[in-house]
Protein backbone atom coordinates (compact mmCIF):
# COMPACT_ATOMS: atom_id res chain seq x y z
CA MET A 1 -7.82 -18.23 -6.79
CA SER A 2 -5.07 -21.01 -7.06
CA ALA A 3 -4.96 -23.35 -9.26
CA PRO A 4 -6.38 -26.56 -9.10
CA PRO A 5 -4.11 -29.65 -8.31
CA ILE A 6 -2.94 -32.29 -10.53
CA VAL A 7 -5.34 -35.36 -10.31
CA GLN A 8 -2.75 -38.15 -8.96
CA THR A 9 -3.66 -42.17 -9.29
CA PRO A 10 -3.61 -44.30 -6.00
CA LYS A 11 0.18 -46.54 -6.09
CA GLN A 12 -1.91 -49.65 -5.65
CA LEU A 13 -5.28 -50.64 -6.72
CA SER A 14 -6.00 -52.28 -2.67
CA TYR A 15 -5.77 -50.44 0.32
CA ASP A 16 -6.38 -51.80 3.87
CA VAL A 17 -8.22 -48.14 4.74
CA VAL A 18 -9.74 -46.08 2.21
CA ILE A 19 -9.95 -42.21 4.27
CA VAL A 20 -12.26 -39.84 2.57
CA GLY A 21 -11.43 -36.24 3.49
CA GLY A 22 -7.71 -35.89 4.22
CA ALA A 23 -8.30 -32.11 5.90
CA MET A 24 -8.17 -31.85 9.48
CA LEU A 25 -10.31 -34.50 10.60
CA GLY A 26 -9.67 -37.23 8.17
CA SER A 27 -5.35 -36.38 8.69
CA SER A 28 -6.15 -37.21 12.02
CA VAL A 29 -7.26 -40.11 11.61
CA ALA A 30 -4.46 -40.66 9.14
CA TRP A 31 -1.71 -40.56 12.15
CA PHE A 32 -3.57 -42.23 14.97
CA LEU A 33 -3.60 -45.09 12.41
CA SER A 34 0.54 -45.03 12.01
CA ASP A 35 1.04 -44.16 15.28
CA ASN A 36 -0.56 -47.39 16.71
CA PRO A 37 1.89 -49.98 16.70
CA SER A 38 -1.20 -52.61 16.78
CA PHE A 39 -2.38 -51.24 13.36
CA ASP A 40 -0.29 -52.74 10.10
CA GLY A 41 -2.27 -51.93 7.40
CA SER A 42 -2.16 -50.02 4.39
CA VAL A 43 -4.27 -46.41 3.92
CA LEU A 44 -5.13 -43.95 1.13
CA VAL A 45 -6.21 -40.94 2.05
CA VAL A 46 -8.53 -39.43 -0.47
CA GLU A 47 -8.69 -35.49 -0.86
CA ARG A 48 -10.84 -33.86 -3.49
CA ASP A 49 -8.60 -30.22 -3.33
CA THR A 50 -5.19 -30.37 -1.43
CA THR A 51 -4.84 -27.13 -1.49
CA TYR A 52 -7.78 -27.37 1.43
CA GLU A 53 -8.60 -23.93 0.50
CA PHE A 54 -12.46 -24.57 0.78
CA THR A 55 -12.46 -26.60 3.78
CA SER A 56 -13.80 -25.95 7.65
CA THR A 57 -10.46 -26.74 8.60
CA VAL A 58 -8.90 -23.68 6.82
CA HIS A 59 -12.15 -21.68 7.81
CA THR A 60 -11.83 -22.32 11.34
CA ASN A 61 -11.21 -19.97 13.94
CA SER A 62 -9.62 -22.83 16.53
CA CYS A 63 -10.39 -22.00 19.73
CA MET A 64 -10.88 -24.36 22.58
CA ARG A 65 -13.14 -25.09 25.11
CA GLN A 66 -14.72 -27.46 27.82
CA GLN A 67 -17.31 -25.47 28.38
CA PHE A 68 -20.29 -28.00 27.08
CA SER A 69 -23.32 -29.60 28.89
CA GLN A 70 -22.38 -33.55 28.11
CA GLU A 71 -19.25 -35.31 29.76
CA VAL A 72 -18.09 -36.99 27.09
CA ASN A 73 -17.05 -33.86 25.57
CA VAL A 74 -16.17 -32.12 27.78
CA ARG A 75 -13.34 -35.33 27.92
CA VAL A 76 -12.28 -35.08 24.49
CA SER A 77 -11.74 -31.36 25.57
CA GLN A 78 -9.39 -32.02 28.49
CA PHE A 79 -7.33 -34.63 25.34
CA ALA A 80 -7.53 -31.62 23.19
CA ALA A 81 -6.01 -29.54 25.47
CA GLU A 82 -3.33 -31.91 26.94
CA PHE A 83 -2.51 -33.12 23.52
CA VAL A 84 -1.31 -29.41 22.26
CA LYS A 85 0.29 -29.00 25.36
CA ASN A 86 2.76 -32.32 24.57
CA PHE A 87 1.98 -32.09 20.62
CA ARG A 88 5.92 -32.92 20.00
CA ALA A 89 6.07 -35.62 23.10
CA PHE A 90 2.63 -37.24 21.43
CA MET A 91 4.66 -36.88 17.98
CA GLY A 92 7.60 -38.83 19.24
CA ASN A 93 9.79 -36.16 20.15
CA ASP A 94 10.59 -34.91 17.03
CA ASP A 95 12.87 -32.25 17.16
CA ARG A 96 11.53 -30.42 13.90
CA VAL A 97 8.42 -30.60 15.61
CA PRO A 98 7.68 -26.70 17.08
CA ASP A 99 5.63 -26.74 19.88
CA VAL A 100 2.15 -25.03 20.09
CA PRO A 101 0.79 -22.61 22.57
CA LEU A 102 -2.37 -23.15 23.66
CA HIS A 103 -3.51 -19.19 24.95
CA PRO A 104 -5.80 -19.51 27.72
CA PHE A 105 -7.41 -16.39 28.02
CA GLY A 106 -10.92 -18.84 28.00
CA TYR A 107 -14.55 -18.33 27.30
CA MET A 108 -16.81 -15.97 28.67
CA PHE A 109 -20.59 -17.35 28.22
CA LEU A 110 -23.06 -14.33 28.78
CA ALA A 111 -26.63 -15.24 29.97
CA GLY A 112 -29.24 -12.98 29.68
CA ASN A 113 -32.29 -13.45 31.76
CA GLU A 114 -32.55 -15.61 34.54
CA SER A 115 -33.40 -18.97 32.57
CA ASN A 116 -30.20 -18.91 30.43
CA ALA A 117 -28.74 -17.94 34.12
CA ARG A 118 -29.55 -21.43 34.79
CA ILE A 119 -28.05 -23.21 32.63
CA LEU A 120 -24.90 -21.65 32.77
CA GLN A 121 -24.56 -22.44 36.43
CA GLU A 122 -26.09 -26.25 36.09
CA ASN A 123 -23.86 -26.65 33.46
CA GLN A 124 -21.10 -25.12 35.48
CA GLN A 125 -21.59 -26.88 38.34
CA ALA A 126 -21.16 -30.22 36.39
CA GLN A 127 -17.73 -29.07 34.50
CA VAL A 128 -16.48 -28.29 37.54
CA GLN A 129 -17.28 -31.98 38.49
CA TRP A 130 -16.24 -33.24 35.15
CA GLY A 131 -12.48 -31.16 36.61
CA ALA A 132 -12.81 -28.26 34.29
CA GLY A 133 -12.36 -25.17 35.61
CA THR A 134 -15.43 -23.30 35.11
CA GLN A 135 -16.76 -20.38 37.08
CA TYR A 136 -20.73 -19.18 37.52
CA LEU A 137 -20.24 -14.77 37.74
CA ALA A 138 -23.01 -12.29 38.49
CA ALA A 139 -22.76 -9.18 36.26
CA ASP A 140 -20.81 -7.36 38.68
CA GLU A 141 -18.03 -10.37 39.72
CA ILE A 142 -17.23 -10.01 35.80
CA LEU A 143 -17.01 -6.35 35.58
CA ASP A 144 -14.22 -6.61 37.95
CA LEU A 145 -12.41 -8.71 35.86
CA TYR A 146 -12.97 -7.25 32.99
CA PRO A 147 -14.07 -3.52 33.00
CA PHE A 148 -14.38 -2.68 28.94
CA TYR A 149 -18.08 -4.64 29.18
CA ASN A 150 -21.10 -2.69 28.85
CA LEU A 151 -23.08 -5.74 31.01
CA ASP A 152 -26.71 -3.80 30.95
CA GLY A 153 -29.53 -6.27 30.32
CA ILE A 154 -26.28 -9.22 31.48
CA VAL A 155 -27.54 -11.79 34.70
CA GLY A 156 -24.26 -13.65 34.89
CA GLY A 157 -21.93 -15.83 33.17
CA THR A 158 -19.70 -18.99 32.94
CA LEU A 159 -15.87 -18.12 32.65
CA ASN A 160 -12.82 -21.06 32.52
CA LEU A 161 -9.11 -19.66 31.93
CA ARG A 162 -8.02 -23.43 32.51
CA ASP A 163 -6.89 -24.55 28.83
CA GLU A 164 -9.21 -22.96 26.85
CA GLY A 165 -9.22 -20.19 24.34
CA TYR A 166 -7.35 -20.26 20.72
CA PHE A 167 -4.60 -22.72 19.89
CA ASP A 168 -2.94 -23.58 16.34
CA GLY A 169 -4.44 -26.02 14.97
CA ASN A 170 -3.19 -25.16 11.04
CA THR A 171 0.44 -26.29 12.63
CA LEU A 172 -1.40 -30.16 13.83
CA PHE A 173 -2.75 -30.86 11.02
CA ASP A 174 0.24 -29.96 8.94
CA TRP A 175 2.08 -32.02 11.30
CA TRP A 176 -0.60 -35.51 11.14
CA LYS A 177 -0.59 -35.14 7.50
CA ARG A 178 3.74 -34.30 6.93
CA SER A 179 4.20 -37.94 9.70
CA ALA A 180 1.36 -39.95 8.31
CA ARG A 181 3.62 -40.15 5.20
CA GLU A 182 6.78 -40.04 6.30
CA ARG A 183 5.10 -43.22 8.11
CA GLY A 184 3.66 -45.04 4.77
CA VAL A 185 0.20 -43.25 4.37
CA GLU A 186 -0.09 -42.56 1.26
CA TYR A 187 -2.59 -38.89 0.05
CA VAL A 188 -3.49 -38.32 -3.84
CA ASN A 189 -5.44 -35.67 -4.73
CA ASN A 190 -8.71 -37.18 -6.63
CA GLU A 191 -12.56 -37.62 -5.19
CA VAL A 192 -14.09 -41.15 -4.85
CA ILE A 193 -17.33 -40.58 -6.60
CA ALA A 194 -19.18 -44.14 -6.48
CA MET A 195 -19.01 -46.81 -3.45
CA THR A 196 -19.89 -50.93 -4.72
CA LYS A 197 -20.99 -53.09 -1.47
CA ASP A 198 -20.47 -56.58 -1.70
CA ASP A 199 -22.74 -59.68 -2.10
CA THR A 200 -24.01 -59.36 1.43
CA ASP A 201 -24.68 -56.33 1.09
CA ARG A 202 -23.24 -55.47 4.20
CA LYS A 203 -19.39 -54.06 3.04
CA VAL A 204 -18.01 -51.48 1.08
CA GLN A 205 -16.19 -54.15 -1.92
CA SER A 206 -14.80 -50.79 -3.19
CA VAL A 207 -13.92 -47.15 -4.23
CA THR A 208 -14.49 -45.81 -7.72
CA LEU A 209 -12.21 -42.37 -8.42
CA LYS A 210 -12.96 -39.87 -10.74
CA SER A 211 -9.72 -40.98 -12.43
CA GLY A 212 -11.90 -44.09 -13.45
CA GLU A 213 -9.65 -46.77 -10.72
CA VAL A 214 -11.36 -49.03 -8.52
CA ILE A 215 -9.69 -48.77 -5.28
CA SER A 216 -10.25 -52.39 -3.20
CA CYS A 217 -10.65 -51.83 0.51
CA GLY A 218 -10.36 -53.37 3.99
CA THR A 219 -12.37 -50.12 5.89
CA ILE A 220 -13.57 -47.20 5.23
CA VAL A 221 -13.61 -43.89 7.15
CA ASN A 222 -15.99 -40.52 5.50
CA ALA A 223 -14.00 -37.92 7.42
CA SER A 224 -15.34 -35.43 4.00
CA GLY A 225 -16.69 -32.80 6.08
CA PRO A 226 -20.10 -31.09 5.00
CA ARG A 227 -19.75 -33.41 1.88
CA ALA A 228 -20.19 -36.18 4.94
CA ALA A 229 -23.50 -37.32 3.29
CA ILE A 230 -23.44 -37.13 -0.26
CA THR A 231 -20.22 -39.64 0.91
CA SER A 232 -22.33 -41.57 3.53
CA ARG A 233 -24.70 -42.06 0.10
CA MET A 234 -22.85 -43.98 -2.22
CA ALA A 235 -23.05 -46.80 0.12
CA GLY A 236 -26.55 -46.04 0.67
CA ILE A 237 -26.95 -44.74 3.62
CA ASP A 238 -28.20 -41.56 4.55
CA ILE A 239 -26.54 -39.10 7.55
CA PRO A 240 -28.30 -35.61 9.25
CA VAL A 241 -25.84 -33.60 8.24
CA GLU A 242 -25.68 -30.59 6.00
CA PRO A 243 -23.49 -27.47 5.26
CA ARG A 244 -24.34 -24.61 6.81
CA LYS A 245 -22.55 -21.18 6.10
CA ARG A 246 -20.88 -19.39 9.63
CA TYR A 247 -19.43 -15.86 8.95
CA THR A 248 -15.91 -14.75 10.47
CA PHE A 249 -15.29 -10.83 10.79
CA ILE A 250 -11.58 -9.90 11.81
CA PHE A 251 -11.50 -6.07 12.47
CA ASP A 252 -9.39 -3.72 14.78
CA ALA A 253 -10.10 -1.04 17.38
CA GLU A 254 -9.13 2.46 16.95
CA LYS A 255 -9.17 2.20 20.95
CA PRO A 256 -7.85 -1.23 21.80
CA LEU A 257 -8.84 -3.07 25.28
CA ASP A 258 -5.60 -2.63 27.80
CA ARG A 259 -5.93 -6.37 28.87
CA ASP A 260 -6.50 -9.97 27.07
CA MET A 261 -10.26 -10.59 26.08
CA PRO A 262 -11.55 -14.02 26.28
CA LEU A 263 -13.83 -15.87 23.87
CA THR A 264 -17.44 -14.01 24.83
CA ILE A 265 -20.35 -15.71 23.90
CA ASP A 266 -23.26 -12.80 23.31
CA PRO A 267 -26.76 -13.51 23.90
CA SER A 268 -27.62 -12.20 20.46
CA GLY A 269 -25.56 -15.18 19.15
CA VAL A 270 -22.50 -13.20 17.94
CA HIS A 271 -19.14 -13.86 19.78
CA LEU A 272 -15.97 -11.79 18.80
CA ARG A 273 -12.41 -12.70 21.10
CA LEU A 274 -8.51 -10.85 20.60
CA GLU A 275 -6.66 -12.07 17.22
CA GLY A 276 -3.97 -11.28 17.20
CA SER A 277 -3.39 -7.48 17.29
CA TYR A 278 -7.42 -7.13 16.04
CA TYR A 279 -10.22 -9.00 16.90
CA LEU A 280 -12.77 -11.44 15.33
CA ALA A 281 -16.42 -11.28 15.36
CA GLY A 282 -18.07 -14.90 14.20
CA CYS A 283 -22.13 -15.51 14.06
CA PRO A 284 -24.91 -17.66 12.13
CA PRO A 285 -27.08 -15.71 9.89
CA ASP A 286 -30.37 -15.31 11.19
CA ASP A 287 -31.70 -16.86 8.62
CA ASP A 288 -29.01 -20.32 8.83
CA PRO A 289 -30.60 -22.72 6.00
CA ALA A 290 -28.12 -25.79 4.38
CA VAL A 291 -26.52 -24.65 1.64
CA ALA A 292 -24.68 -26.50 -1.43
CA PRO A 293 -21.35 -27.67 -0.08
CA ASP A 294 -19.75 -25.15 -2.64
CA ASP A 295 -21.74 -22.25 -1.95
CA PHE A 296 -19.22 -19.55 0.01
CA VAL A 297 -21.28 -16.40 -0.74
CA GLU A 298 -21.11 -13.39 1.55
CA ASP A 299 -24.20 -11.90 3.36
CA HIS A 300 -22.71 -8.45 3.65
CA SER A 301 -25.67 -6.84 5.19
CA LEU A 302 -24.36 -9.27 8.43
CA TRP A 303 -21.40 -6.79 9.79
CA GLU A 304 -23.00 -3.85 9.80
CA ASN A 305 -26.85 -5.19 10.18
CA LYS A 306 -26.41 -7.70 13.11
CA VAL A 307 -22.15 -8.15 14.39
CA TRP A 308 -21.27 -4.18 14.53
CA PRO A 309 -23.78 -3.18 16.26
CA ALA A 310 -23.94 -6.58 18.61
CA ILE A 311 -20.06 -6.34 19.25
CA ALA A 312 -20.43 -1.90 19.80
CA ASN A 313 -22.98 -2.62 22.15
CA ARG A 314 -21.28 -5.47 25.01
CA VAL A 315 -17.73 -2.94 24.75
CA PRO A 316 -18.19 0.45 24.31
CA GLN A 317 -14.57 0.81 22.84
CA PHE A 318 -15.63 -0.53 19.68
CA GLU A 319 -18.01 1.44 18.76
CA ALA A 320 -14.86 2.95 16.23
CA VAL A 321 -14.24 -0.40 14.45
CA LYS A 322 -12.54 -0.90 10.76
CA LEU A 323 -13.09 -4.06 9.37
CA ILE A 324 -9.78 -5.81 7.94
CA ASN A 325 -10.67 -8.97 6.61
CA SER A 326 -13.74 -11.67 6.37
CA TRP A 327 -15.31 -14.86 4.97
CA VAL A 328 -17.80 -17.60 5.07
CA GLY A 329 -17.04 -21.46 6.21
CA HIS A 330 -18.87 -24.39 6.36
CA TYR A 331 -19.89 -26.19 9.67
CA ALA A 332 -20.78 -29.27 9.14
CA TYR A 333 -24.19 -29.06 10.31
CA ASN A 334 -25.50 -32.04 12.55
CA THR A 335 -28.98 -31.58 13.31
CA PHE A 336 -30.41 -34.75 14.99
CA ASP A 337 -28.25 -33.18 18.48
CA GLN A 338 -25.23 -31.07 16.95
CA ASN A 339 -23.33 -33.45 18.36
CA ALA A 340 -20.44 -36.27 16.24
CA ILE A 341 -21.03 -38.90 14.39
CA LEU A 342 -18.44 -41.59 15.46
CA GLY A 343 -17.26 -45.16 14.80
CA PRO A 344 -19.17 -48.18 11.97
CA HIS A 345 -22.54 -47.97 10.51
CA PRO A 346 -24.86 -51.18 12.29
CA ASP A 347 -25.42 -52.44 9.25
CA VAL A 348 -22.71 -51.84 6.25
CA VAL A 349 -20.14 -52.45 8.99
CA ASN A 350 -16.67 -51.13 7.83
CA PHE A 351 -17.77 -48.13 7.08
CA ILE A 352 -16.68 -45.90 9.51
CA PHE A 353 -17.94 -41.82 10.49
CA VAL A 354 -16.13 -39.40 11.69
CA ASN A 355 -18.83 -36.70 10.63
CA GLY A 356 -21.04 -33.91 12.04
CA PHE A 357 -19.28 -32.09 14.84
CA SER A 358 -21.13 -29.13 13.95
CA GLY A 359 -17.90 -26.66 15.03
CA HIS A 360 -16.43 -28.61 17.21
CA GLY A 361 -13.70 -30.33 15.27
CA PHE A 362 -11.31 -29.16 15.08
CA GLN A 363 -10.87 -29.37 19.29
CA GLN A 364 -12.31 -32.62 19.33
CA SER A 365 -9.96 -33.54 16.04
CA PRO A 366 -7.56 -35.19 18.50
CA ALA A 367 -9.69 -37.69 20.83
CA MET A 368 -11.91 -38.06 17.89
CA GLY A 369 -8.92 -39.54 15.41
CA ARG A 370 -7.44 -41.82 17.96
CA GLY A 371 -11.20 -43.00 18.75
CA ALA A 372 -11.16 -44.09 15.01
CA ALA A 373 -8.34 -44.97 15.07
CA GLU A 374 -8.89 -47.57 18.00
CA ILE A 375 -12.24 -48.85 16.47
CA ILE A 376 -9.97 -49.89 12.75
CA THR A 377 -7.67 -51.46 14.72
CA TYR A 378 -9.29 -53.03 17.22
CA GLY A 379 -13.04 -52.70 16.83
CA GLU A 380 -14.04 -50.91 20.10
CA PHE A 381 -13.00 -47.62 22.11
CA ARG A 382 -10.18 -47.94 24.74
CA ALA A 383 -8.53 -44.51 25.69
CA LEU A 384 -12.04 -43.11 25.45
CA ASP A 385 -15.33 -43.91 25.44
CA LEU A 386 -17.40 -42.38 22.73
CA SER A 387 -20.11 -44.49 22.21
CA ALA A 388 -22.38 -41.43 22.90
CA PHE A 389 -21.03 -40.52 19.24
CA GLU A 390 -22.78 -43.69 17.62
CA TYR A 391 -24.36 -43.63 14.67
CA ALA A 392 -26.78 -46.63 16.13
CA ARG A 393 -28.33 -43.41 18.32
CA ILE A 394 -30.16 -41.90 14.91
CA PRO A 395 -31.77 -44.48 14.01
CA GLU A 396 -33.10 -45.55 17.33
CA ASN A 397 -34.21 -41.75 17.64
CA ARG A 398 -31.80 -41.09 21.09
CA PRO A 399 -30.20 -37.27 20.17
CA HIS A 400 -26.89 -36.69 22.61
CA ILE A 401 -28.38 -33.17 23.77
CA GLU A 402 -25.57 -30.60 23.68
CA LYS A 403 -26.79 -27.67 25.45
CA ALA A 404 -23.13 -25.38 24.32
CA VAL A 405 -23.26 -25.22 20.72
CA ILE A 406 -22.24 -21.93 19.41
């Protein structure tokens, strides 16, 4: 474990925008603000650990898909693909910025019964209307493409090989931070521990840092990942977001596959894909409670009892494998409808949510960062209507249900 970074104090005592959390989503908001010619305000990003050692950003599997059941989620991922494939152009054609390949090995959702197959077919038909390249395949058609599967008990599946797969999201993250700083965004290693509202109780007036400074702000952005509920409570707001453990396992196969494998979502709840010269598998625990935001203790029985049996059943060549590495990350899990919460609070009007991505945050970060920057700058979404994610749906009990959650 690395030594904790030195606490830093801000250069000013007042900022137009204070962003709580400087990982993938917070840095996306910061960069899109700095890139917006209509925004000329000051921005402070407060990150409690600038090593990012325990963030969801560092623990992500960095994948991208368009196989969602809600159109807006498909549109969000389509912009992500456009952004990644044209990353240098979006970054102002800076020669220092590397290309970010999108490895389009796709996603394969497998249905273990007729009911789930019908859901996949309905989703596929909608996704095609929205511009995705998803196909529905019967079991024999899947085997024609990927003969390494054991499809006993599988009715069919959906596959999209266009703009779905793996991308190096950490390169986006690194360059968003670097570029935002070069454009005047200030990052400090510190922690927001309290917020004070004005006399109307409708605006956050200031934040108090762990180092003691009181920083006034025009807008506050909650981008604190699995700690989102802790941050919101400082402003007297409750949100249904909690940390939940998600497990990742890297393994080597004695008999590697002879072709690329799509990210495969097995009916058991285990997913697996290629990871360089190795393979990656992941899953939630069978018992999936909220955990403390600093709880990263692994359940070592999960590999032996759940993951390895599932992957060996689905891909018989994986009966002989060697576990190379494993870790636990956290989803910022929205218990209301597993979709993001984005935009202003209806009563605390300068409090902006960028929260609750439930495992979709990396791939959704370009569109969500842009949307949050538009709300701050213009008071409205412009490039893409993201109003379906606004907080107001929660007290009004209007869940925006996403069926395709992994």
